[in-house]
PDB file of all heavy atoms in Angstrom:
ATOM      1  N   GLY A   1      17.585 -16.305  20.077  1.00  0.00           N
ATOM      2  CA  GLY A   1      17.544 -14.937  19.595  1.00  0.00           C
ATOM      3  C   GLY A   1      16.160 -14.335  19.636  1.00  0.00           C
ATOM      4  O   GLY A   1      15.888 -13.438  18.873  1.00  0.00           O
ATOM      5  N   ARG A   2      15.265 -14.849  20.483  1.00  0.00           N
ATOM      6  CA  ARG A   2      13.893 -14.383  20.463  1.00  0.00           C
ATOM      7  C   ARG A   2      13.800 -12.946  20.952  1.00  0.00           C
ATOM      8  O   ARG A   2      14.603 -12.468  21.740  1.00  0.00           O
ATOM      9  CB  ARG A   2      13.003 -15.292  21.313  1.00  0.00           C
ATOM     10  CG  ARG A   2      13.394 -15.380  22.769  1.00  0.00           C
ATOM     11  CD  ARG A   2      12.460 -16.354  23.480  1.00  0.00           C
ATOM     12  NE  ARG A   2      12.796 -16.448  24.888  1.00  0.00           N
ATOM     13  CZ  ARG A   2      13.686 -17.271  25.391  1.00  0.00           C
ATOM     14  NH1 ARG A   2      14.361 -18.063  24.588  1.00  0.00           N
ATOM     15  NH2 ARG A   2      13.932 -17.322  26.682  1.00  0.00           N
ATOM     16  N   TRP A   3      12.730 -12.245  20.487  1.00  0.00           N
ATOM     17  CA  TRP A   3      12.519 -10.850  20.859  1.00  0.00           C
ATOM     18  C   TRP A   3      11.937 -10.766  22.260  1.00  0.00           C
ATOM     19  O   TRP A   3      11.170 -11.618  22.689  1.00  0.00           O
ATOM     20  CB  TRP A   3      11.557 -10.203  19.872  1.00  0.00           C
ATOM     21  CG  TRP A   3      12.122 -10.057  18.506  1.00  0.00           C
ATOM     22  CD1 TRP A   3      12.026 -10.945  17.484  1.00  0.00           C
ATOM     23  CD2 TRP A   3      12.878  -8.966  18.014  1.00  0.00           C
ATOM     24  NE1 TRP A   3      12.683 -10.474  16.390  1.00  0.00           N
ATOM     25  CE2 TRP A   3      13.211  -9.268  16.679  1.00  0.00           C
ATOM     26  CE3 TRP A   3      13.311  -7.759  18.573  1.00  0.00           C
ATOM     27  CZ2 TRP A   3      13.942  -8.403  15.883  1.00  0.00           C
ATOM     28  CZ3 TRP A   3      14.044  -6.901  17.783  1.00  0.00           C
ATOM     29  CH2 TRP A   3      14.351  -7.227  16.456  1.00  0.00           C
ATOM     30  N   PRO A   4      12.206  -9.684  22.992  1.00  0.00           N
ATOM     31  CA  PRO A   4      11.578  -9.485  24.293  1.00  0.00           C
ATOM     32  C   PRO A   4      10.072  -9.345  24.142  1.00  0.00           C
ATOM     33  O   PRO A   4       9.570  -8.839  23.145  1.00  0.00           O
ATOM     34  CB  PRO A   4      12.211  -8.179  24.800  1.00  0.00           C
ATOM     35  CG  PRO A   4      13.444  -8.003  23.978  1.00  0.00           C
ATOM     36  CD  PRO A   4      13.176  -8.646  22.669  1.00  0.00           C
ATOM     37  N   ALA A   5       9.315  -9.753  25.193  1.00  0.00           N
ATOM     38  CA  ALA A   5       7.859  -9.710  25.134  1.00  0.00           C
ATOM     39  C   ALA A   5       7.347  -8.297  24.917  1.00  0.00           C
ATOM     40  O   ALA A   5       6.356  -8.073  24.215  1.00  0.00           O
ATOM     41  CB  ALA A   5       7.283 -10.300  26.414  1.00  0.00           C
ATOM     42  N   SER A   6       8.014  -7.297  25.512  1.00  0.00           N
ATOM     43  CA  SER A   6       7.567  -5.913  25.360  1.00  0.00           C
ATOM     44  C   SER A   6       7.622  -5.460  23.910  1.00  0.00           C
ATOM     45  O   SER A   6       6.739  -4.731  23.433  1.00  0.00           O
ATOM     46  CB  SER A   6       8.417  -4.990  26.234  1.00  0.00           C
ATOM     47  OG  SER A   6       9.778  -5.076  25.859  1.00  0.00           O
ATOM     48  N   VAL A   7       8.658  -5.894  23.177  1.00  0.00           N
ATOM     49  CA  VAL A   7       8.778  -5.524  21.771  1.00  0.00           C
ATOM     50  C   VAL A   7       7.684  -6.200  20.957  1.00  0.00           C
ATOM     51  O   VAL A   7       7.050  -5.602  20.076  1.00  0.00           O
ATOM     52  CB  VAL A   7      10.173  -5.897  21.230  1.00  0.00           C
ATOM     53  CG1 VAL A   7      10.263  -5.605  19.735  1.00  0.00           C
ATOM     54  CG2 VAL A   7      11.253  -5.143  21.990  1.00  0.00           C
ATOM     55  N   VAL A   8       7.430  -7.472  21.236  1.00  0.00           N
ATOM     56  CA  VAL A   8       6.385  -8.206  20.525  1.00  0.00           C
ATOM     57  C   VAL A   8       5.030  -7.542  20.732  1.00  0.00           C
ATOM     58  O   VAL A   8       4.250  -7.350  19.801  1.00  0.00           O
ATOM     59  CB  VAL A   8       6.347  -9.676  20.992  1.00  0.00           C
ATOM     60  CG1 VAL A   8       5.175 -10.413  20.340  1.00  0.00           C
ATOM     61  CG2 VAL A   8       7.655 -10.379  20.643  1.00  0.00           C
ATOM     62  N   CYS A   9       4.723  -7.171  21.995  1.00  0.00           N
ATOM     63  CA  CYS A   9       3.446  -6.521  22.292  1.00  0.00           C
ATOM     64  C   CYS A   9       3.305  -5.190  21.559  1.00  0.00           C
ATOM     65  O   CYS A   9       2.240  -4.865  21.019  1.00  0.00           O
ATOM     66  CB  CYS A   9       3.314  -6.301  23.799  1.00  0.00           C
ATOM     67  SG  CYS A   9       3.091  -7.826  24.736  1.00  0.00           S
ATOM     68  N   ALA A  10       4.378  -4.414  21.546  1.00  0.00           N
ATOM     69  CA  ALA A  10       4.339  -3.128  20.856  1.00  0.00           C
ATOM     70  C   ALA A  10       4.071  -3.302  19.370  1.00  0.00           C
ATOM     71  O   ALA A  10       3.293  -2.542  18.764  1.00  0.00           O
ATOM     72  CB  ALA A  10       5.646  -2.378  21.088  1.00  0.00           C
ATOM     73  N   VAL A  11       4.709  -4.291  18.750  1.00  0.00           N
ATOM     74  CA  VAL A  11       4.491  -4.555  17.327  1.00  0.00           C
ATOM     75  C   VAL A  11       3.053  -4.971  17.071  1.00  0.00           C
ATOM     76  O   VAL A  11       2.403  -4.529  16.115  1.00  0.00           O
ATOM     77  CB  VAL A  11       5.479  -5.629  16.833  1.00  0.00           C
ATOM     78  CG1 VAL A  11       5.133  -6.038  15.404  1.00  0.00           C
ATOM     79  CG2 VAL A  11       6.904  -5.104  16.892  1.00  0.00           C
ATOM     80  N   LEU A  12       2.501  -5.828  17.942  1.00  0.00           N
ATOM     81  CA  LEU A  12       1.115  -6.274  17.785  1.00  0.00           C
ATOM     82  C   LEU A  12       0.139  -5.109  17.897  1.00  0.00           C
ATOM     83  O   LEU A  12      -0.815  -4.993  17.133  1.00  0.00           O
ATOM     84  CB  LEU A  12       0.785  -7.341  18.829  1.00  0.00           C
ATOM     85  CG  LEU A  12       1.438  -8.721  18.612  1.00  0.00           C
ATOM     86  CD1 LEU A  12       1.120  -9.636  19.790  1.00  0.00           C
ATOM     87  CD2 LEU A  12       0.962  -9.349  17.307  1.00  0.00           C
ATOM     88  N   VAL A  13       0.362  -4.233  18.893  1.00  0.00           N
ATOM     89  CA  VAL A  13      -0.506  -3.066  19.061  1.00  0.00           C
ATOM     90  C   VAL A  13      -0.461  -2.181  17.818  1.00  0.00           C
ATOM     91  O   VAL A  13      -1.494  -1.684  17.342  1.00  0.00           O
ATOM     92  CB  VAL A  13      -0.092  -2.269  20.310  1.00  0.00           C
ATOM     93  CG1 VAL A  13      -0.809  -0.923  20.349  1.00  0.00           C
ATOM     94  CG2 VAL A  13      -0.389  -3.069  21.567  1.00  0.00           C
ATOM     95  N   LEU A  14       0.745  -1.998  17.254  1.00  0.00           N
ATOM     96  CA  LEU A  14       0.879  -1.173  16.058  1.00  0.00           C
ATOM     97  C   LEU A  14       0.112  -1.778  14.891  1.00  0.00           C
ATOM     98  O   LEU A  14      -0.588  -1.079  14.149  1.00  0.00           O
ATOM     99  CB  LEU A  14       2.354  -1.010  15.706  1.00  0.00           C
ATOM    100  CG  LEU A  14       2.678  -0.210  14.430  1.00  0.00           C
ATOM    101  CD1 LEU A  14       2.157   1.222  14.579  1.00  0.00           C
ATOM    102  CD2 LEU A  14       4.169  -0.212  14.163  1.00  0.00           C
ATOM    103  N   ILE A  15       0.241  -3.098  14.718  1.00  0.00           N
ATOM    104  CA  ILE A  15      -0.449  -3.772  13.612  1.00  0.00           C
ATOM    105  C   ILE A  15      -1.956  -3.630  13.761  1.00  0.00           C
ATOM    106  O   ILE A  15      -2.685  -3.332  12.809  1.00  0.00           O
ATOM    107  CB  ILE A  15      -0.036  -5.250  13.545  1.00  0.00           C
ATOM    108  CG1 ILE A  15       1.442  -5.373  13.124  1.00  0.00           C
ATOM    109  CG2 ILE A  15      -0.918  -6.022  12.565  1.00  0.00           C
ATOM    110  CD1 ILE A  15       1.977  -6.769  13.195  1.00  0.00           C
ATOM    111  N   ILE A  16      -2.472  -3.853  14.990  1.00  0.00           N
ATOM    112  CA  ILE A  16      -3.917  -3.754  15.230  1.00  0.00           C
ATOM    113  C   ILE A  16      -4.402  -2.335  14.940  1.00  0.00           C
ATOM    114  O   ILE A  16      -5.466  -2.128  14.345  1.00  0.00           O
ATOM    115  CB  ILE A  16      -4.238  -4.175  16.680  1.00  0.00           C
ATOM    116  CG1 ILE A  16      -3.976  -5.676  16.857  1.00  0.00           C
ATOM    117  CG2 ILE A  16      -5.685  -3.854  17.031  1.00  0.00           C
ATOM    118  CD1 ILE A  16      -4.040  -6.144  18.287  1.00  0.00           C
ATOM    119  N   SER A  17      -3.632  -1.326  15.356  1.00  0.00           N
ATOM    120  CA  SER A  17      -4.019   0.062  15.118  1.00  0.00           C
ATOM    121  C   SER A  17      -4.100   0.372  13.631  1.00  0.00           C
ATOM    122  O   SER A  17      -5.036   1.038  13.161  1.00  0.00           O
ATOM    123  CB  SER A  17      -3.026   1.001  15.798  1.00  0.00           C
ATOM    124  OG  SER A  17      -2.974   0.762  17.186  1.00  0.00           O
ATOM    125  N   VAL A  18      -3.128  -0.112  12.864  1.00  0.00           N
ATOM    126  CA  VAL A  18      -3.116   0.127  11.422  1.00  0.00           C
ATOM    127  C   VAL A  18      -4.310  -0.540  10.761  1.00  0.00           C
ATOM    128  O   VAL A  18      -4.983   0.041   9.889  1.00  0.00           O
ATOM    129  CB  VAL A  18      -1.790  -0.376  10.810  1.00  0.00           C
ATOM    130  CG1 VAL A  18      -1.863  -0.342   9.285  1.00  0.00           C
ATOM    131  CG2 VAL A  18      -0.622   0.467  11.304  1.00  0.00           C
ATOM    132  N   VAL A  19      -4.603  -1.788  11.170  1.00  0.00           N
ATOM    133  CA  VAL A  19      -5.749  -2.508  10.591  1.00  0.00           C
ATOM    134  C   VAL A  19      -7.046  -1.779  10.907  1.00  0.00           C
ATOM    135  O   VAL A  19      -7.926  -1.614  10.056  1.00  0.00           O
ATOM    136  CB  VAL A  19      -5.784  -3.955  11.116  1.00  0.00           C
ATOM    137  CG1 VAL A  19      -7.078  -4.639  10.695  1.00  0.00           C
ATOM    138  CG2 VAL A  19      -4.589  -4.734  10.586  1.00  0.00           C
ATOM    139  N   ALA A  20      -7.190  -1.314  12.160  1.00  0.00           N
ATOM    140  CA  ALA A  20      -8.415  -0.608  12.544  1.00  0.00           C
ATOM    141  C   ALA A  20      -8.575   0.692  11.757  1.00  0.00           C
ATOM    142  O   ALA A  20      -9.677   1.042  11.315  1.00  0.00           O
ATOM    143  CB  ALA A  20      -8.383  -0.330  14.037  1.00  0.00           C
ATOM    144  N   LEU A  21      -7.489   1.417  11.564  1.00  0.00           N
ATOM    145  CA  LEU A  21      -7.542   2.660  10.811  1.00  0.00           C
ATOM    146  C   LEU A  21      -7.927   2.407   9.364  1.00  0.00           C
ATOM    147  O   LEU A  21      -8.750   3.131   8.785  1.00  0.00           O
ATOM    148  CB  LEU A  21      -6.185   3.371  10.891  1.00  0.00           C
ATOM    149  CG  LEU A  21      -6.066   4.692  10.107  1.00  0.00           C
ATOM    150  CD1 LEU A  21      -7.059   5.714  10.676  1.00  0.00           C
ATOM    151  CD2 LEU A  21      -4.637   5.223  10.193  1.00  0.00           C
ATOM    152  N   ALA A  22      -7.357   1.365   8.782  1.00  0.00           N
ATOM    153  CA  ALA A  22      -7.680   1.036   7.389  1.00  0.00           C
ATOM    154  C   ALA A  22      -9.141   0.666   7.243  1.00  0.00           C
ATOM    155  O   ALA A  22      -9.821   1.018   6.261  1.00  0.00           O
ATOM    156  CB  ALA A  22      -6.786  -0.105   6.913  1.00  0.00           C
ATOM    157  N   ALA A  23      -9.697  -0.053   8.231  1.00  0.00           N
ATOM    158  CA  ALA A  23     -11.106  -0.457   8.166  1.00  0.00           C
ATOM    159  C   ALA A  23     -12.030   0.754   8.232  1.00  0.00           C
ATOM    160  O   ALA A  23     -13.053   0.823   7.553  1.00  0.00           O
ATOM    161  CB  ALA A  23     -11.407  -1.423   9.308  1.00  0.00           C
ATOM    162  N   SER A  24     -11.662   1.737   9.106  1.00  0.00           N
ATOM    163  CA  SER A  24     -12.509   2.912   9.234  1.00  0.00           C
ATOM    164  C   SER A  24     -12.498   3.779   7.997  1.00  0.00           C
ATOM    165  O   SER A  24     -13.478   4.444   7.650  1.00  0.00           O
ATOM    166  CB  SER A  24     -12.060   3.737  10.447  1.00  0.00           C
ATOM    167  OG  SER A  24     -10.755   4.259  10.230  1.00  0.00           O
ATOM    168  N   VAL A  25     -11.382   3.789   7.267  1.00  0.00           N
ATOM    169  CA  VAL A  25     -11.262   4.604   6.061  1.00  0.00           C
ATOM    170  C   VAL A  25     -11.937   3.945   4.865  1.00  0.00           C
ATOM    171  O   VAL A  25     -12.638   4.579   4.078  1.00  0.00           O
ATOM    172  CB  VAL A  25      -9.770   4.871   5.746  1.00  0.00           C
ATOM    173  CG1 VAL A  25      -9.632   5.540   4.366  1.00  0.00           C
ATOM    174  CG2 VAL A  25      -9.159   5.744   6.836  1.00  0.00           C
ATOM    175  N   ASN A  26     -11.769   2.622   4.741  1.00  0.00           N
ATOM    176  CA  ASN A  26     -12.231   1.915   3.547  1.00  0.00           C
ATOM    177  C   ASN A  26     -13.592   1.240   3.734  1.00  0.00           C
ATOM    178  O   ASN A  26     -14.133   0.652   2.800  1.00  0.00           O
ATOM    179  CB  ASN A  26     -11.203   0.864   3.134  1.00  0.00           C
ATOM    180  CG  ASN A  26      -9.863   1.486   2.776  1.00  0.00           C
ATOM    181  OD1 ASN A  26      -9.823   2.551   2.157  1.00  0.00           O
ATOM    182  ND2 ASN A  26      -8.772   0.819   3.156  1.00  0.00           N
ATOM    183  N   GLY A  27     -14.140   1.266   4.940  1.00  0.00           N
ATOM    184  CA  GLY A  27     -15.411   0.591   5.184  1.00  0.00           C
ATOM    185  C   GLY A  27     -16.589   1.303   4.531  1.00  0.00           C
ATOM    186  O   GLY A  27     -16.447   2.398   3.970  1.00  0.00           O
ATOM    187  N   PRO A  28     -17.831   0.689   4.575  1.00  0.00           N
ATOM    188  CA  PRO A  28     -19.013   1.299   3.939  1.00  0.00           C
ATOM    189  C   PRO A  28     -19.397   2.616   4.611  1.00  0.00           C
ATOM    190  O   PRO A  28     -19.248   2.772   5.809  1.00  0.00           O
ATOM    191  CB  PRO A  28     -20.110   0.243   4.156  1.00  0.00           C
ATOM    192  CG  PRO A  28     -19.627  -0.584   5.303  1.00  0.00           C
ATOM    193  CD  PRO A  28     -18.156  -0.568   5.236  1.00  0.00           C
ATOM    194  N   HIS A  29     -19.857   3.578   3.829  1.00  0.00           N
ATOM    195  CA  HIS A  29     -20.258   4.886   4.349  1.00  0.00           C
ATOM    196  C   HIS A  29     -21.777   5.034   4.232  1.00  0.00           C
ATOM    197  O   HIS A  29     -22.403   4.532   3.304  1.00  0.00           O
ATOM    198  CB  HIS A  29     -19.586   6.018   3.560  1.00  0.00           C
ATOM    199  CG  HIS A  29     -18.088   6.007   3.705  1.00  0.00           C
ATOM    200  ND1 HIS A  29     -17.449   6.584   4.767  1.00  0.00           N
ATOM    201  CD2 HIS A  29     -17.126   5.467   2.907  1.00  0.00           C
ATOM    202  CE1 HIS A  29     -16.127   6.427   4.625  1.00  0.00           C
ATOM    203  NE2 HIS A  29     -15.932   5.753   3.502  1.00  0.00           N
ATOM    204  N   ALA A  30     -22.428   5.790   5.158  1.00  0.00           N
ATOM    205  CA  ALA A  30     -23.890   5.996   5.134  1.00  0.00           C
ATOM    206  C   ALA A  30     -24.256   6.926   4.002  1.00  0.00           C
ATOM    207  O   ALA A  30     -23.520   7.858   3.691  1.00  0.00           O
ATOM    208  CB  ALA A  30     -24.343   6.577   6.467  1.00  0.00           C
TER     209      ALA A  30
END
């Protein structure tokens, strides 16, 4: 019942994007 590779890649890209956005919002400011 494994997921297709395209679906897995899309989920990974989404997760990375969310993490990057959170870092830019919550990271240290000048």
